[in-house]
Amino acid sequence: MARFRPLVVLPLVALLAGCVDGVTLGAPDFAHQYRPTEMGHIGAERDLRVEMYNNPYPDVDRRDVEAAIQATMRRAPTVQPLQFSFTPDENALPNYRVVLLFDAYRPVAGRDLCDDAIRAKYTPEPVEGRIRMSAAFCQSEIPLTQISGRVSEPNGYDGERFQSLIMEVTKQLFPLRNPKLEEGRCPDFMLFCP
C-alpha cells in the first residue's frame, strides 16, 4: 500500500540550505558507502588528510589560511572529533581525504572533486565580496559526502563569517547519520512511497 507524503520538499530544502551569518549552503549529498560508525577508524585516532585548492585569500600565505581552516574544522561538531590535517602523518589512511575547492565558477560535484584530473580543470574565478566553495569527503575517487556553500562579505580568513562557512560545511560533511541508509526512507522527490 502506498502512503501519501505531503509536499514538504521545498520547506525541507529551505531548511537544509540554511543561512547562518551570511553563509548559504546547498543540500548535502551522501553515498550509500558513508558509514558514520567507521569515522573513528578513519580520522579520530589518526590524521584525516585535507586538501585545499584555490586559496580563497590569495594575498595571505597559504599556510596561514590552512591553519585557520584546520583549527575550525577540528572544532566542528562531527560524528566524532576528527583530526583534520593539511600535513597528515604517516598513520593517515591514504584512501581517505577531504577536498575543499574555493571560488570555482559554479558548485562542483563530489565526483569531480575526488577525481584529480577533472578537479584540476576548475580554475578560480573569485567574485568580489563572496567566497564560494565545494567540499567532498572522498574514499579514493568516490565522494562519500559532498556539499557546496558560500559566504557573503567574508571578513578575513580568521574572521567569524569565513569560519562559520568552514564550520557549517564540516558539520554537513560528517553527519551523525546517513539518510540514505535509513530503512524505509522514501526519496525526497517522491510524493508516494510503495
C-alpha atoms as a PDB file:
ATOM      1  CA  MET A   1       0.000   0.000   0.000  1.00  0.00           C
ATOM      2  CA  ALA A   2       1.323   3.414  -0.941  1.00  0.00           C
ATOM      3  CA  ARG A   3       1.446   6.078   1.705  1.00  0.00           C
ATOM      4  CA  PHE A   4       0.994   9.721   0.880  1.00  0.00           C
ATOM      5  CA  ARG A   5       3.872  12.067   1.559  1.00  0.00           C
ATOM      6  CA  PRO A   6       2.884  15.703   1.818  1.00  0.00           C
ATOM      7  CA  LEU A   7       4.719  18.232  -0.268  1.00  0.00           C
ATOM      8  CA  VAL A   8       7.433  19.104   2.201  1.00  0.00           C
ATOM      9  CA  VAL A   9      10.264  19.182  -0.292  1.00  0.00           C
ATOM     10  CA  LEU A  10      10.539  22.948  -0.620  1.00  0.00           C
ATOM     11  CA  PRO A  11      10.471  23.691   3.119  1.00  0.00           C
ATOM     12  CA  LEU A  12      12.975  20.874   3.678  1.00  0.00           C
ATOM     13  CA  VAL A  13      15.335  22.295   1.048  1.00  0.00           C
ATOM     14  CA  ALA A  14      14.962  25.732   2.601  1.00  0.00           C
ATOM     15  CA  LEU A  15      15.985  24.311   5.975  1.00  0.00           C
ATOM     16  CA  LEU A  16      18.934  22.399   4.538  1.00  0.00           C
ATOM     17  CA  ALA A  17      20.111  25.364   2.551  1.00  0.00           C
ATOM     18  CA  GLY A  18      20.022  27.483   5.662  1.00  0.00           C
ATOM     19  CA  CYS A  19      21.686  30.793   6.107  1.00  0.00           C
ATOM     20  CA  VAL A  20      23.965  31.370   9.109  1.00  0.00           C
ATOM     21  CA  ASP A  21      25.507  34.832   9.380  1.00  0.00           C
ATOM     22  CA  GLY A  22      25.941  35.320   5.626  1.00  0.00           C
ATOM     23  CA  VAL A  23      26.596  31.602   5.000  1.00  0.00           C
ATOM     24  CA  THR A  24      24.453  29.773   2.463  1.00  0.00           C
ATOM     25  CA  LEU A  25      24.699  26.014   1.999  1.00  0.00           C
ATOM     26  CA  GLY A  26      23.394  23.734  -0.700  1.00  0.00           C
ATOM     27  CA  ALA A  27      21.748  20.457   0.249  1.00  0.00           C
ATOM     28  CA  PRO A  28      24.329  17.824   1.217  1.00  0.00           C
ATOM     29  CA  ASP A  29      24.522  14.551  -0.676  1.00  0.00           C
ATOM     30  CA  PHE A  30      25.583  11.185   0.686  1.00  0.00           C
ATOM     31  CA  ALA A  31      26.748   7.951  -0.907  1.00  0.00           C
ATOM     32  CA  HIS A  32      25.395   4.678   0.454  1.00  0.00           C
ATOM     33  CA  GLN A  33      29.017   3.835   1.387  1.00  0.00           C
ATOM     34  CA  TYR A  34      29.182   6.608   4.034  1.00  0.00           C
ATOM     35  CA  ARG A  35      29.109   4.926   7.439  1.00  0.00           C
ATOM     36  CA  PRO A  36      29.338   7.320  10.402  1.00  0.00           C
ATOM     37  CA  THR A  37      30.359   4.429  12.661  1.00  0.00           C
ATOM     38  CA  GLU A  38      33.589   3.970  10.681  1.00  0.00           C
ATOM     39  CA  MET A  39      34.833   7.509  11.326  1.00  0.00           C
ATOM     40  CA  GLY A  40      36.724   6.508  14.486  1.00  0.00           C
ATOM     41  CA  HIS A  41      38.916   4.237  12.398  1.00  0.00           C
ATOM     42  CA  ILE A  42      39.300   6.748   9.572  1.00  0.00           C
ATOM     43  CA  GLY A  43      40.035  10.018  11.333  1.00  0.00           C
ATOM     44  CA  ALA A  44      39.508  10.111  15.078  1.00  0.00           C
ATOM     45  CA  GLU A  45      42.626   8.253  16.124  1.00  0.00           C
ATOM     46  CA  ARG A  46      44.775   9.301  13.164  1.00  0.00           C
ATOM     47  CA  ASP A  47      45.083  12.294  10.849  1.00  0.00           C
ATOM     48  CA  LEU A  48      42.487  12.779   8.134  1.00  0.00           C
ATOM     49  CA  ARG A  49      44.080  14.468   5.138  1.00  0.00           C
ATOM     50  CA  VAL A  50      42.604  17.767   3.927  1.00  0.00           C
ATOM     51  CA  GLU A  51      43.452  19.257   0.532  1.00  0.00           C
ATOM     52  CA  MET A  52      42.708  22.854  -0.388  1.00  0.00           C
ATOM     53  CA  TYR A  53      42.571  24.095  -3.964  1.00  0.00           C
ATOM     54  CA  ASN A  54      42.396  27.774  -4.938  1.00  0.00           C
ATOM     55  CA  ASN A  55      43.386  29.772  -1.862  1.00  0.00           C
ATOM     56  CA  PRO A  56      40.327  31.922  -1.041  1.00  0.00           C
ATOM     57  CA  TYR A  57      42.668  34.637   0.275  1.00  0.00           C
ATOM     58  CA  PRO A  58      45.404  34.806  -2.387  1.00  0.00           C
ATOM     59  CA  ASP A  59      47.113  37.753  -0.680  1.00  0.00           C
ATOM     60  CA  VAL A  60      47.589  35.723   2.518  1.00  0.00           C
ATOM     61  CA  ASP A  61      50.172  32.983   2.973  1.00  0.00           C
ATOM     62  CA  ARG A  62      48.521  29.661   2.144  1.00  0.00           C
ATOM     63  CA  ARG A  63      49.843  28.070   5.364  1.00  0.00           C
ATOM     64  CA  ASP A  64      48.080  30.702   7.483  1.00  0.00           C
ATOM     65  CA  VAL A  65      44.787  30.084   5.679  1.00  0.00           C
ATOM     66  CA  GLU A  66      45.194  26.319   6.022  1.00  0.00           C
ATOM     67  CA  ALA A  67      45.972  26.640   9.747  1.00  0.00           C
ATOM     68  CA  ALA A  68      42.794  28.676  10.303  1.00  0.00           C
ATOM     69  CA  ILE A  69      40.681  26.216   8.291  1.00  0.00           C
ATOM     70  CA  GLN A  70      42.183  23.214  10.096  1.00  0.00           C
ATOM     71  CA  ALA A  71      41.520  24.715  13.539  1.00  0.00           C
ATOM     72  CA  THR A  72      37.906  25.491  12.600  1.00  0.00           C
ATOM     73  CA  MET A  73      37.319  22.037  11.124  1.00  0.00           C
ATOM     74  CA  ARG A  74      38.638  20.392  14.288  1.00  0.00           C
ATOM     75  CA  ARG A  75      36.189  22.438  16.402  1.00  0.00           C
ATOM     76  CA  ALA A  76      33.195  21.459  14.256  1.00  0.00           C
ATOM     77  CA  PRO A  77      30.688  19.116  15.881  1.00  0.00           C
ATOM     78  CA  THR A  78      31.060  15.999  13.728  1.00  0.00           C
ATOM     79  CA  VAL A  79      30.122  12.365  14.221  1.00  0.00           C
ATOM     80  CA  GLN A  80      33.325  12.066  16.309  1.00  0.00           C
ATOM     81  CA  PRO A  81      36.157  14.528  16.967  1.00  0.00           C
ATOM     82  CA  LEU A  82      38.249  14.184  13.815  1.00  0.00           C
ATOM     83  CA  GLN A  83      41.944  15.034  13.371  1.00  0.00           C
ATOM     84  CA  PHE A  84      41.781  17.070  10.154  1.00  0.00           C
ATOM     85  CA  SER A  85      45.256  17.861   8.833  1.00  0.00           C
ATOM     86  CA  PHE A  86      46.770  19.590   5.811  1.00  0.00           C
ATOM     87  CA  THR A  87      50.054  17.857   6.697  1.00  0.00           C
ATOM     88  CA  PRO A  88      48.985  14.360   7.791  1.00  0.00           C
ATOM     89  CA  ASP A  89      51.425  11.995   9.425  1.00  0.00           C
ATOM     90  CA  GLU A  90      52.274   8.503   8.165  1.00  0.00           C
ATOM     91  CA  ASN A  91      49.349   6.958  10.083  1.00  0.00           C
ATOM     92  CA  ALA A  92      46.753   8.703   7.909  1.00  0.00           C
ATOM     93  CA  LEU A  93      44.793   6.348   5.669  1.00  0.00           C
ATOM     94  CA  PRO A  94      45.828   7.182   2.086  1.00  0.00           C
ATOM     95  CA  ASN A  95      42.427   6.409   0.530  1.00  0.00           C
ATOM     96  CA  TYR A  96      40.510   8.967   2.602  1.00  0.00           C
ATOM     97  CA  ARG A  97      40.657  12.740   2.274  1.00  0.00           C
ATOM     98  CA  VAL A  98      38.612  15.910   2.441  1.00  0.00           C
ATOM     99  CA  VAL A  99      38.788  18.098  -0.662  1.00  0.00           C
ATOM    100  CA  LEU A 100      37.992  21.824  -0.437  1.00  0.00           C
ATOM    101  CA  LEU A 101      37.747  23.763  -3.691  1.00  0.00           C
ATOM    102  CA  PHE A 102      37.283  27.523  -3.468  1.00  0.00           C
ATOM    103  CA  ASP A 103      35.936  30.034  -5.973  1.00  0.00           C
ATOM    104  CA  ALA A 104      35.123  27.742  -8.874  1.00  0.00           C
ATOM    105  CA  TYR A 105      32.700  29.398 -11.289  1.00  0.00           C
ATOM    106  CA  ARG A 106      29.920  27.044 -10.146  1.00  0.00           C
ATOM    107  CA  PRO A 107      29.381  24.380  -7.448  1.00  0.00           C
ATOM    108  CA  VAL A 108      31.441  21.304  -8.275  1.00  0.00           C
ATOM    109  CA  ALA A 109      30.075  17.782  -7.895  1.00  0.00           C
ATOM    110  CA  GLY A 110      31.774  15.457  -5.438  1.00  0.00           C
ATOM    111  CA  ARG A 111      32.755  13.059  -8.211  1.00  0.00           C
ATOM    112  CA  ASP A 112      34.722  15.858  -9.871  1.00  0.00           C
ATOM    113  CA  LEU A 113      36.291  16.946  -6.575  1.00  0.00           C
ATOM    114  CA  CYS A 114      37.537  13.428  -5.809  1.00  0.00           C
ATOM    115  CA  ASP A 115      38.988  12.948  -9.305  1.00  0.00           C
ATOM    116  CA  ASP A 116      42.348  14.728  -9.509  1.00  0.00           C
ATOM    117  CA  ALA A 117      42.312  15.056 -13.313  1.00  0.00           C
ATOM    118  CA  ILE A 118      38.851  16.613 -13.505  1.00  0.00           C
ATOM    119  CA  ARG A 119      39.255  18.865 -10.434  1.00  0.00           C
ATOM    120  CA  ALA A 120      42.363  20.441 -11.958  1.00  0.00           C
ATOM    121  CA  LYS A 121      40.163  21.940 -14.697  1.00  0.00           C
ATOM    122  CA  TYR A 122      38.393  24.228 -12.228  1.00  0.00           C
ATOM    123  CA  THR A 123      40.349  27.442 -12.064  1.00  0.00           C
ATOM    124  CA  PRO A 124      39.458  30.156  -9.570  1.00  0.00           C
ATOM    125  CA  GLU A 125      37.012  32.834 -10.618  1.00  0.00           C
ATOM    126  CA  PRO A 126      36.621  34.973  -7.480  1.00  0.00           C
ATOM    127  CA  VAL A 127      33.606  37.220  -7.042  1.00  0.00           C
ATOM    128  CA  GLU A 128      34.131  40.427  -5.085  1.00  0.00           C
ATOM    129  CA  GLY A 129      32.539  40.227  -1.633  1.00  0.00           C
ATOM    130  CA  ARG A 130      31.826  36.482  -1.754  1.00  0.00           C
ATOM    131  CA  ILE A 131      33.679  33.198  -1.299  1.00  0.00           C
ATOM    132  CA  ARG A 132      32.248  30.059  -2.855  1.00  0.00           C
ATOM    133  CA  MET A 133      33.341  26.548  -2.008  1.00  0.00           C
ATOM    134  CA  SER A 134      32.619  22.948  -2.849  1.00  0.00           C
ATOM    135  CA  ALA A 135      33.690  20.194  -0.492  1.00  0.00           C
ATOM    136  CA  ALA A 136      33.739  16.409  -0.522  1.00  0.00           C
ATOM    137  CA  PHE A 137      34.814  13.611   1.769  1.00  0.00           C
ATOM    138  CA  CYS A 138      36.443  11.134  -0.603  1.00  0.00           C
ATOM    139  CA  GLN A 139      37.305   7.462  -0.433  1.00  0.00           C
ATOM    140  CA  SER A 140      39.761   7.235  -3.334  1.00  0.00           C
ATOM    141  CA  GLU A 141      37.698   8.721  -6.186  1.00  0.00           C
ATOM    142  CA  ILE A 142      34.293   8.075  -4.593  1.00  0.00           C
ATOM    143  CA  PRO A 143      32.592  11.026  -2.887  1.00  0.00           C
ATOM    144  CA  LEU A 144      31.121   9.668   0.358  1.00  0.00           C
ATOM    145  CA  THR A 145      29.603  13.041   1.249  1.00  0.00           C
ATOM    146  CA  GLN A 146      29.535  16.380  -0.553  1.00  0.00           C
ATOM    147  CA  ILE A 147      28.208  19.899  -0.162  1.00  0.00           C
ATOM    148  CA  SER A 148      28.669  23.376  -1.568  1.00  0.00           C
ATOM    149  CA  GLY A 149      28.346  26.724   0.129  1.00  0.00           C
ATOM    150  CA  ARG A 150      29.220  30.385   0.032  1.00  0.00           C
ATOM    151  CA  VAL A 151      29.678  33.291   2.356  1.00  0.00           C
ATOM    152  CA  SER A 152      28.892  36.920   1.614  1.00  0.00           C
ATOM    153  CA  GLU A 153      31.127  39.700   2.836  1.00  0.00           C
ATOM    154  CA  PRO A 154      33.740  37.411   4.400  1.00  0.00           C
ATOM    155  CA  ASN A 155      35.778  39.288   6.958  1.00  0.00           C
ATOM    156  CA  GLY A 156      39.173  37.620   6.607  1.00  0.00           C
ATOM    157  CA  TYR A 157      40.404  34.053   6.819  1.00  0.00           C
ATOM    158  CA  ASP A 158      40.306  34.202  10.622  1.00  0.00           C
ATOM    159  CA  GLY A 159      37.030  36.145  10.763  1.00  0.00           C
ATOM    160  CA  GLU A 160      33.692  34.930  12.034  1.00  0.00           C
ATOM    161  CA  ARG A 161      31.898  34.688   8.686  1.00  0.00           C
ATOM    162  CA  PHE A 162      34.565  32.645   6.914  1.00  0.00           C
ATOM    163  CA  GLN A 163      34.926  30.390   9.954  1.00  0.00           C
ATOM    164  CA  SER A 164      31.141  29.918  10.012  1.00  0.00           C
ATOM    165  CA  LEU A 165      31.272  28.709   6.396  1.00  0.00           C
ATOM    166  CA  ILE A 166      34.019  26.192   7.213  1.00  0.00           C
ATOM    167  CA  MET A 167      32.235  25.064  10.393  1.00  0.00           C
ATOM    168  CA  GLU A 168      28.866  24.518   8.683  1.00  0.00           C
ATOM    169  CA  VAL A 169      30.396  22.710   5.691  1.00  0.00           C
ATOM    170  CA  THR A 170      32.377  20.416   8.011  1.00  0.00           C
ATOM    171  CA  LYS A 171      29.278  19.579  10.078  1.00  0.00           C
ATOM    172  CA  GLN A 172      27.381  18.658   6.922  1.00  0.00           C
ATOM    173  CA  LEU A 173      30.240  16.534   5.520  1.00  0.00           C
ATOM    174  CA  PHE A 174      30.342  14.366   8.653  1.00  0.00           C
ATOM    175  CA  PRO A 175      26.778  13.955   9.939  1.00  0.00           C
ATOM    176  CA  LEU A 176      25.708  11.590  12.705  1.00  0.00           C
ATOM    177  CA  ARG A 177      23.660   9.508  10.277  1.00  0.00           C
ATOM    178  CA  ASN A 178      23.396   8.738   6.591  1.00  0.00           C
ATOM    179  CA  PRO A 179      19.823   9.447   5.489  1.00  0.00           C
ATOM    180  CA  LYS A 180      20.207   7.040   2.557  1.00  0.00           C
ATOM    181  CA  LEU A 181      20.695   4.143   4.981  1.00  0.00           C
ATOM    182  CA  GLU A 182      17.504   4.699   6.940  1.00  0.00           C
ATOM    183  CA  GLU A 183      15.248   1.726   6.400  1.00  0.00           C
ATOM    184  CA  GLY A 184      12.030   2.515   4.616  1.00  0.00           C
ATOM    185  CA  ARG A 185      13.100   6.045   3.690  1.00  0.00           C
ATOM    186  CA  CYS A 186      11.445   7.436   0.630  1.00  0.00           C
ATOM    187  CA  PRO A 187      13.498   9.821  -1.552  1.00  0.00           C
ATOM    188  CA  ASP A 188      12.518  13.462  -1.011  1.00  0.00           C
ATOM    189  CA  PHE A 189      11.398  13.957  -4.612  1.00  0.00           C
ATOM    190  CA  MET A 190       8.722  11.204  -4.406  1.00  0.00           C
ATOM    191  CA  LEU A 191       5.161  12.056  -3.396  1.00  0.00           C
ATOM    192  CA  PHE A 192       4.138   8.435  -2.809  1.00  0.00           C
ATOM    193  CA  CYS A 193       6.183   5.603  -1.295  1.00  0.00           C
ATOM    194  CA  PRO A 194       5.482   1.946  -2.109  1.00  0.00           C
END
